[in-house]
Each structure stands twice: as structure tokens, then as C-alpha cells.
N, C-alpha and C. Protein backbone atom coordinates (compact mmCIF):
# COMPACT_ATOMS: atom_id res chain seq x y z
N MET A 1 137.29 67.63 11.76
CA MET A 1 135.61 67.75 12.06
C MET A 1 135.34 67.99 12.81
N PRO A 2 134.03 68.90 13.65
CA PRO A 2 134.46 68.50 15.00
C PRO A 2 133.48 67.46 15.33
N LEU A 3 133.39 66.49 16.75
CA LEU A 3 132.19 65.73 17.32
C LEU A 3 131.02 65.90 17.14
N VAL A 4 129.80 65.44 16.53
CA VAL A 4 128.86 65.64 16.28
C VAL A 4 127.99 64.77 17.02
N ALA A 5 126.75 64.77 18.57
CA ALA A 5 126.30 63.72 18.29
C ALA A 5 124.46 64.54 18.85
N SER A 6 123.71 63.44 18.24
CA SER A 6 122.10 63.71 18.20
C SER A 6 121.30 62.82 18.89
N VAL A 7 120.83 63.25 19.54
CA VAL A 7 120.24 62.19 20.62
C VAL A 7 118.70 62.67 19.88
N THR A 8 117.51 61.68 19.60
CA THR A 8 116.22 62.13 19.41
C THR A 8 115.11 61.45 20.57
N PHE A 9 114.18 62.59 21.02
CA PHE A 9 113.79 60.92 21.83
C PHE A 9 112.44 61.61 21.58
N LYS A 10 111.82 59.94 21.68
CA LYS A 10 110.39 60.31 20.76
C LYS A 10 109.58 59.84 22.63
N VAL A 11 108.61 60.05 22.61
CA VAL A 11 107.69 60.41 23.76
C VAL A 11 106.51 60.44 23.02
N ASN A 12 105.92 59.44 22.98
CA ASN A 12 104.42 59.90 23.32
C ASN A 12 103.32 58.96 24.35
N ASN A 13 102.96 60.05 24.19
CA ASN A 13 101.98 60.76 25.84
C ASN A 13 100.33 60.72 25.02
N ILE A 14 100.24 60.50 24.10
CA ILE A 14 98.53 60.77 23.43
C ILE A 14 97.28 59.22 24.43
N ASP A 15 98.04 58.47 24.87
CA ASP A 15 97.61 57.74 25.71
C ASP A 15 96.99 58.02 27.30
N VAL A 16 97.87 59.02 27.51
CA VAL A 16 98.22 59.32 28.49
C VAL A 16 96.95 60.41 29.14
N ALA A 17 97.19 61.08 28.06
CA ALA A 17 96.03 62.64 27.72
C ALA A 17 95.10 62.00 27.88
N LYS A 18 94.78 61.22 27.24
CA LYS A 18 93.64 60.68 26.66
C LYS A 18 92.69 60.18 28.09
N SER A 19 93.28 58.76 28.55
CA SER A 19 93.10 58.68 29.70
C SER A 19 93.14 59.84 30.33
N GLU A 20 93.25 60.59 31.46
CA GLU A 20 93.62 61.91 32.01
C GLU A 20 92.14 62.51 31.32
N LEU A 21 92.00 62.67 30.54
CA LEU A 21 91.19 63.78 29.67
C LEU A 21 89.92 62.61 30.47
N LYS A 22 89.58 61.77 29.58
CA LYS A 22 88.70 60.78 30.24
C LYS A 22 88.45 60.71 31.34
N SER A 23 89.59 60.97 32.31
CA SER A 23 89.62 61.26 34.38
C SER A 23 88.33 61.81 34.13
N LYS A 24 89.41 63.09 33.52
CA LYS A 24 88.64 64.11 33.69
C LYS A 24 87.28 64.20 33.85
N VAL A 25 86.89 64.30 32.54
CA VAL A 25 85.21 64.32 31.59
C VAL A 25 84.35 63.37 33.01
N ARG A 26 84.74 61.80 33.25
CA ARG A 26 83.60 61.84 33.89
C ARG A 26 83.63 62.27 35.08
N GLU A 27 85.14 62.60 35.90
CA GLU A 27 84.49 63.13 37.22
C GLU A 27 83.92 64.80 37.12
N ALA A 28 84.12 64.92 35.65
CA ALA A 28 82.75 66.34 35.80
C ALA A 28 81.84 66.14 35.07
N LEU A 29 81.20 64.49 34.61
CA LEU A 29 79.53 64.66 34.68
C LEU A 29 79.19 64.15 35.89
N MET A 30 80.25 63.51 36.74
CA MET A 30 79.39 63.11 38.20
C MET A 30 79.06 64.29 38.85
N GLU A 31 79.78 65.11 38.72
CA GLU A 31 79.14 66.25 39.42
C GLU A 31 78.06 67.02 39.22
N CYS A 32 78.70 67.03 37.69
CA CYS A 32 77.01 67.45 37.35
C CYS A 32 76.06 66.68 38.26
N GLY A 33 75.75 65.74 37.87
CA GLY A 33 75.21 64.73 37.91
C GLY A 33 74.58 64.72 39.81
N GLU A 34 75.96 64.48 39.76
CA GLU A 34 75.03 65.44 41.87
C GLU A 34 74.31 66.64 42.18
N VAL A 35 74.41 67.41 40.88
CA VAL A 35 74.02 68.78 41.72
C VAL A 35 72.38 69.03 40.61
N CYS A 36 72.22 68.30 39.46
CA CYS A 36 71.20 67.67 39.36
C CYS A 36 70.29 66.47 39.88
N GLN A 37 70.76 65.80 40.50
CA GLN A 37 69.74 65.38 41.80
C GLN A 37 69.39 66.17 42.68
N ASN A 38 70.59 66.65 43.13
CA ASN A 38 69.71 67.69 44.49
C ASN A 38 68.93 68.60 44.03
N TYR A 39 69.23 68.89 42.62
CA TYR A 39 68.34 70.60 42.30
C TYR A 39 66.97 69.73 42.14
N ALA A 40 66.71 67.91 41.66
CA ALA A 40 65.42 66.99 41.77
C ALA A 40 65.05 66.94 42.90
N SER A 41 65.62 66.38 43.38
CA SER A 41 64.36 66.05 44.10
C SER A 41 64.69 67.30 45.54
N ALA A 42 65.19 68.45 45.22
CA ALA A 42 64.67 69.14 46.20
C ALA A 42 63.10 70.28 46.03
N THR A 43 63.14 69.73 44.19
CA THR A 43 61.81 69.81 43.74
C THR A 43 60.24 69.63 43.29
N ALA A 44 60.88 68.04 43.16
CA ALA A 44 60.14 66.77 43.78
C ALA A 44 58.93 67.15 44.32
N PRO A 45 57.77 66.68 44.09
CA PRO A 45 56.26 66.85 44.81
C PRO A 45 56.82 65.78 46.25
N VAL A 46 56.18 65.93 47.04
CA VAL A 46 56.48 65.07 48.30
C VAL A 46 54.99 64.67 48.83
N LYS A 47 55.28 63.74 49.45
CA LYS A 47 53.66 62.93 49.51
C LYS A 47 54.19 62.38 50.93
N THR A 48 54.96 61.28 50.79
CA THR A 48 55.57 60.08 51.51
C THR A 48 57.67 60.71 51.51
N GLY A 49 57.66 60.88 50.67
CA GLY A 49 59.20 61.03 50.27
C GLY A 49 59.87 60.22 49.85
N ASN A 50 58.98 59.46 49.58
CA ASN A 50 59.54 58.74 48.94
C ASN A 50 60.06 58.88 47.58
N LEU A 51 59.55 59.40 46.51
CA LEU A 51 60.66 59.75 45.83
C LEU A 51 61.68 60.96 45.18
N ARG A 52 61.62 61.75 46.86
CA ARG A 52 62.39 62.91 47.00
C ARG A 52 64.23 62.13 47.51
N ALA A 53 63.59 61.02 48.10
CA ALA A 53 64.66 59.64 48.08
C ALA A 53 64.69 59.23 47.72
N SER A 54 64.51 58.49 45.94
CA SER A 54 64.63 57.99 45.37
C SER A 54 65.55 58.15 43.74
N PHE A 55 65.81 59.63 43.67
CA PHE A 55 67.35 60.06 42.85
C PHE A 55 68.10 59.75 42.92
N ASP A 56 69.00 59.23 42.15
CA ASP A 56 70.77 58.81 42.31
C ASP A 56 70.83 59.20 40.24
N HIS A 57 72.71 58.93 40.47
CA HIS A 57 73.28 59.25 38.88
C HIS A 57 73.87 58.17 38.96
N LYS A 58 73.96 57.77 37.80
CA LYS A 58 75.37 56.91 37.39
C LYS A 58 75.94 57.37 35.66
N MET A 59 76.65 57.02 35.66
CA MET A 59 77.38 56.58 33.93
C MET A 59 76.77 56.18 33.30
N VAL A 60 76.34 56.08 32.42
CA VAL A 60 75.80 54.83 31.25
C VAL A 60 76.54 55.36 30.03
N SER A 61 77.67 55.70 30.21
CA SER A 61 78.86 55.70 28.44
C SER A 61 80.16 56.50 29.19
N ASP A 62 80.63 56.57 28.65
CA ASP A 62 81.93 57.70 28.21
C ASP A 62 81.63 58.84 28.30
N ASN A 63 80.05 59.33 28.34
CA ASN A 63 80.19 60.67 27.67
C ASN A 63 78.86 61.12 28.15
N THR A 64 78.49 60.18 28.90
CA THR A 64 76.15 61.24 29.81
C THR A 64 76.35 59.91 30.89
N VAL A 65 76.10 60.86 31.18
CA VAL A 65 75.88 60.62 33.00
C VAL A 65 74.26 60.72 32.62
N ALA A 66 73.62 60.10 33.34
CA ALA A 66 71.71 59.52 33.85
C ALA A 66 71.48 60.28 34.97
N ILE A 67 70.21 61.33 34.94
CA ILE A 67 69.65 61.37 36.11
C ILE A 67 68.90 60.58 36.44
N GLY A 68 67.82 60.30 38.04
CA GLY A 68 66.75 59.40 37.14
C GLY A 68 66.06 58.80 38.75
N THR A 69 65.23 58.76 38.48
CA THR A 69 64.06 57.37 39.51
C THR A 69 63.89 56.45 39.54
N ASP A 70 63.58 55.25 40.05
CA ASP A 70 63.27 54.09 39.79
C ASP A 70 61.99 54.09 40.32
N VAL A 71 61.18 55.17 40.33
CA VAL A 71 60.01 55.18 41.84
C VAL A 71 59.57 55.04 40.34
N GLU A 72 58.33 54.13 40.14
CA GLU A 72 56.85 54.06 38.99
C GLU A 72 55.98 55.00 38.47
N TYR A 73 56.05 55.97 39.13
CA TYR A 73 54.98 57.09 39.52
C TYR A 73 55.72 57.97 39.51
N GLY A 74 57.18 57.75 39.25
CA GLY A 74 57.62 59.56 39.33
C GLY A 74 57.56 59.85 38.06
N LYS A 75 57.10 58.87 36.79
CA LYS A 75 57.16 59.74 34.78
C LYS A 75 56.10 61.01 34.98
N TYR A 76 55.06 60.26 35.34
CA TYR A 76 53.81 60.64 36.11
C TYR A 76 53.72 62.17 36.42
N GLN A 77 54.67 61.65 37.76
CA GLN A 77 54.22 63.95 38.12
C GLN A 77 55.35 64.40 37.20
N GLU A 78 56.40 63.94 37.03
CA GLU A 78 57.12 65.18 35.85
C GLU A 78 56.57 65.16 35.36
N LEU A 79 55.72 64.67 34.03
CA LEU A 79 55.40 64.64 32.75
C LEU A 79 53.54 64.78 33.07
N GLY A 80 53.09 64.08 33.68
CA GLY A 80 51.62 64.62 34.43
C GLY A 80 50.53 63.10 33.30
N THR A 81 49.82 63.46 33.50
CA THR A 81 49.21 62.56 32.66
C THR A 81 47.46 63.15 32.37
N SER A 82 47.27 62.44 30.94
CA SER A 82 45.56 63.23 30.58
C SER A 82 43.99 62.56 31.64
N ARG A 83 45.30 62.28 32.61
CA ARG A 83 43.57 61.85 34.28
C ARG A 83 44.06 63.05 35.64
N GLY A 84 44.21 63.84 34.89
CA GLY A 84 44.57 65.13 35.82
C GLY A 84 45.78 65.88 36.37
N ILE A 85 46.69 64.67 36.23
CA ILE A 85 48.23 64.87 37.19
C ILE A 85 48.66 66.29 36.53
N LYS A 86 49.03 67.08 36.35
CA LYS A 86 49.86 67.94 36.04
C LYS A 86 50.69 67.75 35.92
N PRO A 87 52.03 68.50 35.35
CA PRO A 87 53.67 68.15 34.48
C PRO A 87 53.92 68.94 35.80
N LYS A 88 55.50 68.35 36.52
CA LYS A 88 55.77 69.03 37.81
C LYS A 88 57.25 70.09 36.63
N TYR A 89 57.63 68.47 36.42
CA TYR A 89 58.64 69.12 35.81
C TYR A 89 60.27 69.14 36.14
N PHE A 90 59.92 67.94 37.64
CA PHE A 90 60.96 68.88 38.68
C PHE A 90 62.45 68.36 38.07
N LEU A 91 62.67 66.93 36.79
CA LEU A 91 63.53 66.71 36.73
C LEU A 91 64.18 67.32 35.88
N THR A 92 63.19 67.96 34.36
CA THR A 92 63.42 68.85 33.58
C THR A 92 64.09 70.11 33.59
N ASN A 93 63.56 71.25 34.71
CA ASN A 93 64.32 71.91 35.12
C ASN A 93 65.49 71.76 36.81
N ALA A 94 65.31 70.78 36.82
CA ALA A 94 66.82 70.87 37.34
C ALA A 94 67.73 70.56 36.61
N LEU A 95 67.67 70.59 35.30
CA LEU A 95 68.55 70.68 34.19
C LEU A 95 68.62 71.32 33.72
N ARG A 96 67.44 71.76 32.74
CA ARG A 96 67.54 73.90 32.12
C ARG A 96 67.63 74.47 32.67
N GLY A 97 67.54 74.20 33.71
CA GLY A 97 67.33 75.94 35.16
C GLY A 97 68.69 76.03 35.03
N HIS A 98 69.74 74.98 34.81
CA HIS A 98 70.78 75.34 36.10
C HIS A 98 72.28 74.71 34.88
N ILE A 99 71.80 75.17 33.69
CA ILE A 99 72.86 74.58 32.56
C ILE A 99 74.44 75.69 32.78
N GLY A 100 73.65 76.26 32.99
CA GLY A 100 75.00 78.06 33.04
C GLY A 100 75.99 76.81 34.72
N GLU A 101 75.38 76.67 34.96
CA GLU A 101 76.23 76.24 36.94
C GLU A 101 76.66 74.66 35.90
N TYR A 102 76.17 74.31 35.95
CA TYR A 102 76.97 72.74 34.84
C TYR A 102 77.83 73.38 33.90
N GLU A 103 77.27 73.75 32.83
CA GLU A 103 78.81 74.74 32.20
C GLU A 103 80.25 75.00 32.92
N THR A 104 79.71 75.83 33.87
CA THR A 104 80.96 75.67 34.82
C THR A 104 81.72 74.70 35.42
N ILE A 105 80.96 74.17 36.33
CA ILE A 105 81.82 72.51 36.46
C ILE A 105 82.42 71.99 35.84
N ILE A 106 81.91 71.50 34.61
CA ILE A 106 83.08 70.95 32.86
C ILE A 106 83.86 71.62 32.63
N ARG A 107 83.89 73.23 32.96
CA ARG A 107 84.92 74.48 32.79
C ARG A 107 86.09 73.79 33.83
N THR A 108 85.73 73.82 35.19
CA THR A 108 86.98 74.39 35.93
C THR A 108 87.34 73.24 36.54
N THR A 109 86.89 71.68 35.92
CA THR A 109 86.95 69.85 35.62
C THR A 109 88.41 69.79 35.40
N LEU A 110 87.80 70.33 34.00
CA LEU A 110 88.79 70.11 32.98
C LEU A 110 89.98 71.43 32.78
N LYS A 111 90.15 72.60 33.57
CA LYS A 111 91.66 73.99 33.42
C LYS A 111 92.58 72.55 34.01
């Protein structure tokens, strides 16, 4: 009977793959957040420049990036008021108007 050797390697890279995927998702979302922030900032109404300068983005969970402003009157400029301020939708348009660009960023980053 011939001598037969059998070697089995069991390698579990699932944890490594999950970690790398999580990192790439974060990278893609942060880039999308920065791009969206820049669009919102560029199209926000300006009187003093305070609102335009106040936009920021940050990760709020593993799969969510938030883009916004902490300027109190920003929400009234975005959504309008019953007292005559018409909605400007600069943040809404920054998101919805560039969906294809965000999809491209995500696809390219995750490739």
C-alpha cells in the first residue's frame, strides 16, 4: 500500500472579511457625507455665511452617516415656516439630486 499523506487547512477569514467590509462601508459613507455636505453648503441661502459654514457630517451608526447643521435657523431655511419663509430644500436637494453620484462612490469603494 502506498504511503498517503493528507493535510487539511481550515482557515476562517469571515471575521477579517467582515471587518474589511465594515471599514469600506464606513469609507464610502463618509465620502458620500462629505460630498453631500459640500452640495448643501454651496446651495444654502447666505446672508452672513454662518449657515453655509456650519454643515458637517458624521457616522451615527455602522450604516448611517448624518449630514446637517447645528445652526438653529437652518431648519426654517430648509423647510420654511408658516410666517412667510419659503422652503429652500438645500439639504434635501443635496441628497436627492445626486443619488447617482453617491451610488458610484459606494460601488467604487466597495469594488
